[in-house]
Amino acid sequence: MNIYKLSRPFHKPGPSVDVCRGAIVVAADEAAAQLTYPMVDQASPTRQWNGEGWGRDTSASQDMLWDIHPDDVVVTFVGTAAPGLPPGVLLSDVHWG
C-alpha cells in the first residue's frame, strides 16, 4: 500500500463555493488512488467510482464537492504506507464557502 495526494486541476464555477480541493489517501496503486472518493462517508468509507458516478445517490450536494471524473484527478505519490494500513482517506482538504 502507498500514500497518494489527490488534487483537482480545476473547479467548475457554480452556485456553491464549497469544494473539496484534494485529499491524502492510502491505495494499492495510482489507479486505485485515482478512483477513491476523497471524503469519508460513514455509510461507505471507501467509496469509489462506479463507472457513472461516485456511488452515492443520497446527497447530490456532497458529490458536488468532488465533481470531477477520475481521469481528471491529479495523483501524486507521497510514500509507502505503514504495514497494515487499510485503503481509504487519511485527510481531506475541503473549502466551505
PDB file of N, CA and C in Angstrom:
ATOM      1  N   MET A   1       0.832  -1.183   0.000  1.00  0.00           N
ATOM      2  CA  MET A   1       0.000   0.000   0.000  1.00  0.00           C
ATOM      3  C   MET A   1       0.877   1.246   0.000  1.00  0.00           C
ATOM      4  N   ASN A   2       0.364   2.268  -0.687  1.00  0.00           N
ATOM      5  CA  ASN A   2       1.080   3.529  -0.796  1.00  0.00           C
ATOM      6  C   ASN A   2       0.201   4.690  -0.356  1.00  0.00           C
ATOM      7  N   ILE A   3       0.826   5.826  -0.161  1.00  0.00           N
ATOM      8  CA  ILE A   3       0.114   7.048   0.180  1.00  0.00           C
ATOM      9  C   ILE A   3       0.205   7.985  -1.024  1.00  0.00           C
ATOM     10  N   TYR A   4      -0.948   8.555  -1.391  1.00  0.00           N
ATOM     11  CA  TYR A   4      -1.026   9.444  -2.549  1.00  0.00           C
ATOM     12  C   TYR A   4      -1.740  10.733  -2.181  1.00  0.00           C
ATOM     13  N   LYS A   5      -1.367  11.795  -2.860  1.00  0.00           N
ATOM     14  CA  LYS A   5      -2.078  13.061  -2.758  1.00  0.00           C
ATOM     15  C   LYS A   5      -2.984  13.163  -3.982  1.00  0.00           C
ATOM     16  N   LEU A   6      -4.279  13.420  -3.755  1.00  0.00           N
ATOM     17  CA  LEU A   6      -5.221  13.657  -4.835  1.00  0.00           C
ATOM     18  C   LEU A   6      -5.485  15.151  -4.919  1.00  0.00           C
ATOM     19  N   SER A   7      -5.539  15.678  -6.116  1.00  0.00           N
ATOM     20  CA  SER A   7      -5.894  17.085  -6.280  1.00  0.00           C
ATOM     21  C   SER A   7      -6.685  17.251  -7.563  1.00  0.00           C
ATOM     22  N   ARG A   8      -7.373  18.363  -7.637  1.00  0.00           N
ATOM     23  CA  ARG A   8      -8.184  18.662  -8.806  1.00  0.00           C
ATOM     24  C   ARG A   8      -7.480  19.730  -9.622  1.00  0.00           C
ATOM     25  N   PRO A   9      -7.467  19.596 -10.945  1.00  0.00           N
ATOM     26  CA  PRO A   9      -6.783  20.586 -11.766  1.00  0.00           C
ATOM     27  C   PRO A   9      -7.607  21.847 -11.984  1.00  0.00           C
ATOM     28  N   PHE A  10      -8.909  21.800 -11.646  1.00  0.00           N
ATOM     29  CA  PHE A  10      -9.795  22.926 -11.887  1.00  0.00           C
ATOM     30  C   PHE A  10     -11.013  22.794 -10.981  1.00  0.00           C
ATOM     31  N   HIS A  11     -11.792  23.860 -10.903  1.00  0.00           N
ATOM     32  CA  HIS A  11     -13.076  23.819 -10.201  1.00  0.00           C
ATOM     33  C   HIS A  11     -14.102  24.495 -11.080  1.00  0.00           C
ATOM     34  N   LYS A  12     -15.179  23.766 -11.388  1.00  0.00           N
ATOM     35  CA  LYS A  12     -16.242  24.355 -12.193  1.00  0.00           C
ATOM     36  C   LYS A  12     -16.987  25.389 -11.368  1.00  0.00           C
ATOM     37  N   PRO A  13     -17.107  26.608 -11.854  1.00  0.00           N
ATOM     38  CA  PRO A  13     -17.870  27.599 -11.111  1.00  0.00           C
ATOM     39  C   PRO A  13     -19.340  27.196 -11.054  1.00  0.00           C
ATOM     40  N   GLY A  14     -19.983  27.481  -9.961  1.00  0.00           N
ATOM     41  CA  GLY A  14     -21.381  27.134  -9.807  1.00  0.00           C
ATOM     42  C   GLY A  14     -21.983  27.929  -8.677  1.00  0.00           C
ATOM     43  N   PRO A  15     -23.192  27.540  -8.258  1.00  0.00           N
ATOM     44  CA  PRO A  15     -23.869  28.297  -7.211  1.00  0.00           C
ATOM     45  C   PRO A  15     -23.195  28.180  -5.844  1.00  0.00           C
ATOM     46  N   SER A  16     -22.390  27.175  -5.652  1.00  0.00           N
ATOM     47  CA  SER A  16     -21.744  26.968  -4.359  1.00  0.00           C
ATOM     48  C   SER A  16     -20.237  27.133  -4.500  1.00  0.00           C
ATOM     49  N   VAL A  17     -19.636  27.721  -3.491  1.00  0.00           N
ATOM     50  CA  VAL A  17     -18.178  27.808  -3.489  1.00  0.00           C
ATOM     51  C   VAL A  17     -17.580  26.720  -2.607  1.00  0.00           C
ATOM     52  N   ASP A  18     -18.440  25.839  -2.064  1.00  0.00           N
ATOM     53  CA  ASP A  18     -17.953  24.710  -1.277  1.00  0.00           C
ATOM     54  C   ASP A  18     -17.285  23.719  -2.225  1.00  0.00           C
ATOM     55  N   VAL A  19     -16.060  23.310  -1.903  1.00  0.00           N
ATOM     56  CA  VAL A  19     -15.341  22.414  -2.801  1.00  0.00           C
ATOM     57  C   VAL A  19     -14.292  21.611  -2.028  1.00  0.00           C
ATOM     58  N   CYS A  20     -14.142  20.366  -2.424  1.00  0.00           N
ATOM     59  CA  CYS A  20     -13.046  19.546  -1.918  1.00  0.00           C
ATOM     60  C   CYS A  20     -11.875  19.776  -2.866  1.00  0.00           C
ATOM     61  N   ARG A  21     -10.783  20.301  -2.325  1.00  0.00           N
ATOM     62  CA  ARG A  21      -9.637  20.634  -3.160  1.00  0.00           C
ATOM     63  C   ARG A  21      -8.677  19.463  -3.344  1.00  0.00           C
ATOM     64  N   GLY A  22      -8.786  18.456  -2.467  1.00  0.00           N
ATOM     65  CA  GLY A  22      -7.896  17.317  -2.587  1.00  0.00           C
ATOM     66  C   GLY A  22      -7.929  16.459  -1.346  1.00  0.00           C
ATOM     67  N   ALA A  23      -7.052  15.467  -1.317  1.00  0.00           N
ATOM     68  CA  ALA A  23      -7.017  14.557  -0.178  1.00  0.00           C
ATOM     69  C   ALA A  23      -5.699  13.795  -0.172  1.00  0.00           C
ATOM     70  N   ILE A  24      -5.434  13.192   0.972  1.00  0.00           N
ATOM     71  CA  ILE A  24      -4.341  12.237   1.110  1.00  0.00           C
ATOM     72  C   ILE A  24      -5.008  10.883   1.332  1.00  0.00           C
ATOM     73  N   VAL A  25      -4.671   9.912   0.486  1.00  0.00           N
ATOM     74  CA  VAL A  25      -5.323   8.603   0.556  1.00  0.00           C
ATOM     75  C   VAL A  25      -4.301   7.477   0.574  1.00  0.00           C
ATOM     76  N   VAL A  26      -4.747   6.337   1.072  1.00  0.00           N
ATOM     77  CA  VAL A  26      -3.956   5.109   1.018  1.00  0.00           C
ATOM     78  C   VAL A  26      -4.589   4.234  -0.060  1.00  0.00           C
ATOM     79  N   ALA A  27      -3.774   3.736  -0.968  1.00  0.00           N
ATOM     80  CA  ALA A  27      -4.276   2.891  -2.048  1.00  0.00           C
ATOM     81  C   ALA A  27      -3.173   1.943  -2.510  1.00  0.00           C
ATOM     82  N   ALA A  28      -3.586   0.882  -3.170  1.00  0.00           N
ATOM     83  CA  ALA A  28      -2.631  -0.110  -3.643  1.00  0.00           C
ATOM     84  C   ALA A  28      -1.719   0.444  -4.735  1.00  0.00           C
ATOM     85  N   ASP A  29      -2.279   1.309  -5.591  1.00  0.00           N
ATOM     86  CA  ASP A  29      -1.502   1.872  -6.687  1.00  0.00           C
ATOM     87  C   ASP A  29      -2.143   3.177  -7.146  1.00  0.00           C
ATOM     88  N   GLU A  30      -1.520   3.823  -8.104  1.00  0.00           N
ATOM     89  CA  GLU A  30      -2.003   5.112  -8.583  1.00  0.00           C
ATOM     90  C   GLU A  30      -3.408   5.008  -9.168  1.00  0.00           C
ATOM     91  N   ALA A  31      -3.695   3.944  -9.896  1.00  0.00           N
ATOM     92  CA  ALA A  31      -5.022   3.760 -10.496  1.00  0.00           C
ATOM     93  C   ALA A  31      -6.103   3.643  -9.422  1.00  0.00           C
ATOM     94  N   ALA A  32      -5.829   2.905  -8.366  1.00  0.00           N
ATOM     95  CA  ALA A  32      -6.797   2.759  -7.277  1.00  0.00           C
ATOM     96  C   ALA A  32      -6.976   4.087  -6.547  1.00  0.00           C
ATOM     97  N   ALA A  33      -5.908   4.837  -6.381  1.00  0.00           N
ATOM     98  CA  ALA A  33      -5.998   6.149  -5.729  1.00  0.00           C
ATOM     99  C   ALA A  33      -6.891   7.077  -6.544  1.00  0.00           C
ATOM    100  N   GLN A  34      -6.725   7.058  -7.845  1.00  0.00           N
ATOM    101  CA  GLN A  34      -7.492   7.919  -8.742  1.00  0.00           C
ATOM    102  C   GLN A  34      -8.996   7.640  -8.651  1.00  0.00           C
ATOM    103  N   LEU A  35      -9.369   6.419  -8.290  1.00  0.00           N
ATOM    104  CA  LEU A  35     -10.774   6.028  -8.199  1.00  0.00           C
ATOM    105  C   LEU A  35     -11.363   6.204  -6.806  1.00  0.00           C
ATOM    106  N   THR A  36     -10.578   6.711  -5.870  1.00  0.00           N
ATOM    107  CA  THR A  36     -11.031   6.865  -4.491  1.00  0.00           C
ATOM    108  C   THR A  36     -11.718   8.214  -4.284  1.00  0.00           C
ATOM    109  N   TYR A  37     -12.923   8.177  -3.721  1.00  0.00           N
ATOM    110  CA  TYR A  37     -13.647   9.409  -3.388  1.00  0.00           C
ATOM    111  C   TYR A  37     -12.928  10.057  -2.210  1.00  0.00           C
ATOM    112  N   PRO A  38     -12.578  11.343  -2.294  1.00  0.00           N
ATOM    113  CA  PRO A  38     -11.682  11.938  -1.303  1.00  0.00           C
ATOM    114  C   PRO A  38     -12.306  12.391   0.006  1.00  0.00           C
ATOM    115  N   MET A  39     -13.530  11.980   0.283  1.00  0.00           N
ATOM    116  CA  MET A  39     -14.159  12.384   1.535  1.00  0.00           C
ATOM    117  C   MET A  39     -14.701  11.163   2.251  1.00  0.00           C
ATOM    118  N   VAL A  40     -14.534  11.119   3.552  1.00  0.00           N
ATOM    119  CA  VAL A  40     -15.007   9.996   4.347  1.00  0.00           C
ATOM    120  C   VAL A  40     -16.523  10.056   4.436  1.00  0.00           C
ATOM    121  N   ASP A  41     -17.136   8.918   4.244  1.00  0.00           N
ATOM    122  CA  ASP A  41     -18.589   8.790   4.294  1.00  0.00           C
ATOM    123  C   ASP A  41     -18.891   7.635   5.236  1.00  0.00           C
ATOM    124  N   GLN A  42     -19.605   7.883   6.309  1.00  0.00           N
ATOM    125  CA  GLN A  42     -19.858   6.841   7.309  1.00  0.00           C
ATOM    126  C   GLN A  42     -20.531   5.617   6.707  1.00  0.00           C
ATOM    127  N   ALA A  43     -21.416   5.824   5.738  1.00  0.00           N
ATOM    128  CA  ALA A  43     -22.129   4.693   5.143  1.00  0.00           C
ATOM    129  C   ALA A  43     -21.218   3.877   4.225  1.00  0.00           C
ATOM    130  N   SER A  44     -20.240   4.515   3.638  1.00  0.00           N
ATOM    131  CA  SER A  44     -19.343   3.835   2.707  1.00  0.00           C
ATOM    132  C   SER A  44     -17.991   4.533   2.737  1.00  0.00           C
ATOM    133  N   PRO A  45     -17.154   4.239   3.737  1.00  0.00           N
ATOM    134  CA  PRO A  45     -15.917   4.999   3.929  1.00  0.00           C
ATOM    135  C   PRO A  45     -14.886   4.873   2.815  1.00  0.00           C
ATOM    136  N   THR A  46     -15.028   3.907   1.945  1.00  0.00           N
ATOM    137  CA  THR A  46     -14.074   3.783   0.842  1.00  0.00           C
ATOM    138  C   THR A  46     -14.811   3.797  -0.496  1.00  0.00           C
ATOM    139  N   ARG A  47     -15.723   4.743  -0.652  1.00  0.00           N
ATOM    140  CA  ARG A  47     -16.470   4.894  -1.905  1.00  0.00           C
ATOM    141  C   ARG A  47     -15.530   5.023  -3.083  1.00  0.00           C
ATOM    142  N   GLN A  48     -15.910   4.401  -4.182  1.00  0.00           N
ATOM    143  CA  GLN A  48     -15.100   4.521  -5.385  1.00  0.00           C
ATOM    144  C   GLN A  48     -15.981   4.784  -6.591  1.00  0.00           C
ATOM    145  N   TRP A  49     -15.362   5.214  -7.661  1.00  0.00           N
ATOM    146  CA  TRP A  49     -16.040   5.478  -8.924  1.00  0.00           C
ATOM    147  C   TRP A  49     -16.665   4.182  -9.412  1.00  0.00           C
ATOM    148  N   ASN A  50     -17.933   4.233  -9.814  1.00  0.00           N
ATOM    149  CA  ASN A  50     -18.620   3.026 -10.277  1.00  0.00           C
ATOM    150  C   ASN A  50     -18.832   3.013 -11.785  1.00  0.00           C
ATOM    151  N   GLY A  51     -18.167   3.894 -12.495  1.00  0.00           N
ATOM    152  CA  GLY A  51     -18.299   3.962 -13.942  1.00  0.00           C
ATOM    153  C   GLY A  51     -19.204   5.084 -14.406  1.00  0.00           C
ATOM    154  N   GLU A  52     -20.096   5.526 -13.518  1.00  0.00           N
ATOM    155  CA  GLU A  52     -21.020   6.600 -13.865  1.00  0.00           C
ATOM    156  C   GLU A  52     -21.025   7.732 -12.850  1.00  0.00           C
ATOM    157  N   GLY A  53     -20.613   7.440 -11.655  1.00  0.00           N
ATOM    158  CA  GLY A  53     -20.628   8.440 -10.584  1.00  0.00           C
ATOM    159  C   GLY A  53     -19.858   7.908  -9.396  1.00  0.00           C
ATOM    160  N   TRP A  54     -19.936   8.639  -8.306  1.00  0.00           N
ATOM    161  CA  TRP A  54     -19.161   8.277  -7.130  1.00  0.00           C
ATOM    162  C   TRP A  54     -19.865   7.313  -6.199  1.00  0.00           C
ATOM    163  N   GLY A  55     -20.927   6.653  -6.648  1.00  0.00           N
ATOM    164  CA  GLY A  55     -21.534   5.572  -5.883  1.00  0.00           C
ATOM    165  C   GLY A  55     -22.374   5.991  -4.712  1.00  0.00           C
ATOM    166  N   ARG A  56     -22.887   7.200  -4.742  1.00  0.00           N
ATOM    167  CA  ARG A  56     -23.760   7.668  -3.658  1.00  0.00           C
ATOM    168  C   ARG A  56     -24.927   8.409  -4.301  1.00  0.00           C
ATOM    169  N   ASP A  57     -26.138   8.033  -3.925  1.00  0.00           N
ATOM    170  CA  ASP A  57     -27.282   8.697  -4.526  1.00  0.00           C
ATOM    171  C   ASP A  57     -28.148   9.407  -3.495  1.00  0.00           C
ATOM    172  N   THR A  58     -27.645   9.589  -2.286  1.00  0.00           N
ATOM    173  CA  THR A  58     -28.448  10.214  -1.246  1.00  0.00           C
ATOM    174  C   THR A  58     -28.086  11.669  -1.003  1.00  0.00           C
ATOM    175  N   SER A  59     -26.980  12.156  -1.551  1.00  0.00           N
ATOM    176  CA  SER A  59     -26.597  13.540  -1.294  1.00  0.00           C
ATOM    177  C   SER A  59     -25.878  14.141  -2.496  1.00  0.00           C
ATOM    178  N   ALA A  60     -26.655  14.703  -3.391  1.00  0.00           N
ATOM    179  CA  ALA A  60     -26.051  15.334  -4.568  1.00  0.00           C
ATOM    180  C   ALA A  60     -25.148  16.483  -4.167  1.00  0.00           C
ATOM    181  N   SER A  61     -25.488  17.181  -3.073  1.00  0.00           N
ATOM    182  CA  SER A  61     -24.658  18.317  -2.658  1.00  0.00           C
ATOM    183  C   SER A  61     -23.262  17.878  -2.261  1.00  0.00           C
ATOM    184  N   GLN A  62     -23.145  16.720  -1.600  1.00  0.00           N
ATOM    185  CA  GLN A  62     -21.813  16.256  -1.226  1.00  0.00           C
ATOM    186  C   GLN A  62     -21.032  15.853  -2.472  1.00  0.00           C
ATOM    187  N   ASP A  63     -21.695  15.220  -3.444  1.00  0.00           N
ATOM    188  CA  ASP A  63     -20.999  14.834  -4.660  1.00  0.00           C
ATOM    189  C   ASP A  63     -20.504  16.048  -5.436  1.00  0.00           C
ATOM    190  N   MET A  64     -21.179  17.184  -5.293  1.00  0.00           N
ATOM    191  CA  MET A  64     -20.736  18.398  -5.973  1.00  0.00           C
ATOM    192  C   MET A  64     -19.413  18.906  -5.398  1.00  0.00           C
ATOM    193  N   LEU A  65     -19.060  18.468  -4.207  1.00  0.00           N
ATOM    194  CA  LEU A  65     -17.780  18.873  -3.636  1.00  0.00           C
ATOM    195  C   LEU A  65     -16.606  18.275  -4.415  1.00  0.00           C
ATOM    196  N   TRP A  66     -16.828  17.129  -5.029  1.00  0.00           N
ATOM    197  CA  TRP A  66     -15.793  16.451  -5.829  1.00  0.00           C
ATOM    198  C   TRP A  66     -16.466  16.049  -7.132  1.00  0.00           C
ATOM    199  N   ASP A  67     -16.627  17.045  -7.994  1.00  0.00           N
ATOM    200  CA  ASP A  67     -17.461  16.903  -9.180  1.00  0.00           C
ATOM    201  C   ASP A  67     -16.658  16.630 -10.449  1.00  0.00           C
ATOM    202  N   ILE A  68     -15.580  15.879 -10.323  1.00  0.00           N
ATOM    203  CA  ILE A  68     -14.744  15.624 -11.482  1.00  0.00           C
ATOM    204  C   ILE A  68     -14.655  14.126 -11.769  1.00  0.00           C
ATOM    205  N   HIS A  69     -14.358  13.815 -12.999  1.00  0.00           N
ATOM    206  CA  HIS A  69     -14.174  12.434 -13.448  1.00  0.00           C
ATOM    207  C   HIS A  69     -12.804  11.949 -12.968  1.00  0.00           C
ATOM    208  N   PRO A  70     -12.686  10.669 -12.637  1.00  0.00           N
ATOM    209  CA  PRO A  70     -11.383  10.159 -12.169  1.00  0.00           C
ATOM    210  C   PRO A  70     -10.228  10.419 -13.131  1.00  0.00           C
ATOM    211  N   ASP A  71     -10.498  10.452 -14.429  1.00  0.00           N
ATOM    212  CA  ASP A  71      -9.422  10.723 -15.390  1.00  0.00           C
ATOM    213  C   ASP A  71      -8.809  12.111 -15.195  1.00  0.00           C
ATOM    214  N   ASP A  72      -9.562  13.022 -14.563  1.00  0.00           N
ATOM    215  CA  ASP A  72      -9.073  14.378 -14.344  1.00  0.00           C
ATOM    216  C   ASP A  72      -8.404  14.573 -12.990  1.00  0.00           C
ATOM    217  N   VAL A  73      -8.442  13.554 -12.139  1.00  0.00           N
ATOM    218  CA  VAL A  73      -7.831  13.644 -10.817  1.00  0.00           C
ATOM    219  C   VAL A  73      -6.304  13.579 -10.962  1.00  0.00           C
ATOM    220  N   VAL A  74      -5.617  14.522 -10.345  1.00  0.00           N
ATOM    221  CA  VAL A  74      -4.156  14.528 -10.356  1.00  0.00           C
ATOM    222  C   VAL A  74      -3.689  13.712  -9.154  1.00  0.00           C
ATOM    223  N   VAL A  75      -2.891  12.676  -9.410  1.00  0.00           N
ATOM    224  CA  VAL A  75      -2.413  11.778  -8.356  1.00  0.00           C
ATOM    225  C   VAL A  75      -0.899  11.925  -8.235  1.00  0.00           C
ATOM    226  N   THR A  76      -0.446  12.182  -7.001  1.00  0.00           N
ATOM    227  CA  THR A  76       0.982  12.330  -6.735  1.00  0.00           C
ATOM    228  C   THR A  76       1.390  11.325  -5.665  1.00  0.00           C
ATOM    229  N   PHE A  77       2.407  10.528  -5.949  1.00  0.00           N
ATOM    230  CA  PHE A  77       2.927   9.561  -4.976  1.00  0.00           C
ATOM    231  C   PHE A  77       3.587  10.317  -3.828  1.00  0.00           C
ATOM    232  N   VAL A  78       3.220   9.968  -2.590  1.00  0.00           N
ATOM    233  CA  VAL A  78       3.798  10.615  -1.409  1.00  0.00           C
ATOM    234  C   VAL A  78       4.801   9.694  -0.721  1.00  0.00           C
ATOM    235  N   GLY A  79       4.443   8.408  -0.574  1.00  0.00           N
ATOM    236  CA  GLY A  79       5.336   7.473   0.088  1.00  0.00           C
ATOM    237  C   GLY A  79       4.667   6.129   0.299  1.00  0.00           C
ATOM    238  N   THR A  80       5.344   5.272   1.010  1.00  0.00           N
ATOM    239  CA  THR A  80       4.837   3.935   1.305  1.00  0.00           C
ATOM    240  C   THR A  80       4.095   3.959   2.635  1.00  0.00           C
ATOM    241  N   ALA A  81       2.921   3.339   2.643  1.00  0.00           N
ATOM    242  CA  ALA A  81       2.103   3.301   3.866  1.00  0.00           C
ATOM    243  C   ALA A  81       2.684   2.311   4.862  1.00  0.00           C
ATOM    244  N   ALA A  82       2.400   2.534   6.126  1.00  0.00           N
ATOM    245  CA  ALA A  82       2.817   1.607   7.181  1.00  0.00           C
ATOM    246  C   ALA A  82       2.135   0.261   6.951  1.00  0.00           C
ATOM    247  N   PRO A  83       2.801  -0.830   7.276  1.00  0.00           N
ATOM    248  CA  PRO A  83       2.193  -2.148   7.097  1.00  0.00           C
ATOM    249  C   PRO A  83       0.858  -2.242   7.846  1.00  0.00           C
ATOM    250  N   GLY A  84      -0.131  -2.800   7.164  1.00  0.00           N
ATOM    251  CA  GLY A  84      -1.437  -2.997   7.776  1.00  0.00           C
ATOM    252  C   GLY A  84      -2.385  -1.820   7.657  1.00  0.00           C
ATOM    253  N   LEU A  85      -1.933  -0.674   7.142  1.00  0.00           N
ATOM    254  CA  LEU A  85      -2.817   0.475   6.984  1.00  0.00           C
ATOM    255  C   LEU A  85      -3.790   0.190   5.842  1.00  0.00           C
ATOM    256  N   PRO A  86      -5.106   0.230   6.114  1.00  0.00           N
ATOM    257  CA  PRO A  86      -6.079  -0.115   5.081  1.00  0.00           C
ATOM    258  C   PRO A  86      -6.259   1.004   4.058  1.00  0.00           C
ATOM    259  N   PRO A  87      -6.767   0.670   2.875  1.00  0.00           N
ATOM    260  CA  PRO A  87      -7.020   1.706   1.876  1.00  0.00           C
ATOM    261  C   PRO A  87      -8.129   2.637   2.344  1.00  0.00           C
ATOM    262  N   GLY A  88      -8.021   3.893   1.944  1.00  0.00           N
ATOM    263  CA  GLY A  88      -9.046   4.870   2.289  1.00  0.00           C
ATOM    264  C   GLY A  88      -8.465   6.258   2.436  1.00  0.00           C
ATOM    265  N   VAL A  89      -9.296   7.154   2.916  1.00  0.00           N
ATOM    266  CA  VAL A  89      -8.931   8.569   3.050  1.00  0.00           C
ATOM    267  C   VAL A  89      -8.270   8.824   4.405  1.00  0.00           C
ATOM    268  N   LEU A  90      -7.126   9.480   4.384  1.00  0.00           N
ATOM    269  CA  LEU A  90      -6.459   9.893   5.623  1.00  0.00           C
ATOM    270  C   LEU A  90      -6.825  11.331   5.976  1.00  0.00           C
ATOM    271  N   LEU A  91      -6.925  12.177   4.962  1.00  0.00           N
ATOM    272  CA  LEU A  91      -7.152  13.602   5.189  1.00  0.00           C
ATOM    273  C   LEU A  91      -7.778  14.211   3.931  1.00  0.00           C
ATOM    274  N   SER A  92      -8.775  15.072   4.126  1.00  0.00           N
ATOM    275  CA  SER A  92      -9.382  15.794   3.011  1.00  0.00           C
ATOM    276  C   SER A  92      -9.189  17.291   3.198  1.00  0.00           C
ATOM    277  N   ASP A  93      -9.010  17.985   2.089  1.00  0.00           N
ATOM    278  CA  ASP A  93      -8.903  19.442   2.090  1.00  0.00           C
ATOM    279  C   ASP A  93     -10.198  19.997   1.508  1.00  0.00           C
ATOM    280  N   VAL A  94     -11.118  20.400   2.382  1.00  0.00           N
ATOM    281  CA  VAL A  94     -12.417  20.903   1.942  1.00  0.00           C
ATOM    282  C   VAL A  94     -12.527  22.375   2.278  1.00  0.00           C
ATOM    283  N   HIS A  95     -12.898  23.167   1.278  1.00  0.00           N
ATOM    284  CA  HIS A  95     -13.100  24.594   1.474  1.00  0.00           C
ATOM    285  C   HIS A  95     -14.600  24.854   1.530  1.00  0.00           C
ATOM    286  N   TRP A  96     -15.079  25.306   2.672  1.00  0.00           N
ATOM    287  CA  TRP A  96     -16.506  25.610   2.848  1.00  0.00           C
ATOM    288  C   TRP A  96     -16.692  27.116   2.707  1.00  0.00           C
ATOM    289  N   GLY A  97     -17.476  27.497   1.685  1.00  0.00           N
ATOM    290  CA  GLY A  97     -17.865  28.894   1.494  1.00  0.00           C
ATOM    291  C   GLY A  97     -16.730  29.761   1.202  1.00  0.00           C
TER     292      GLY A  97
END
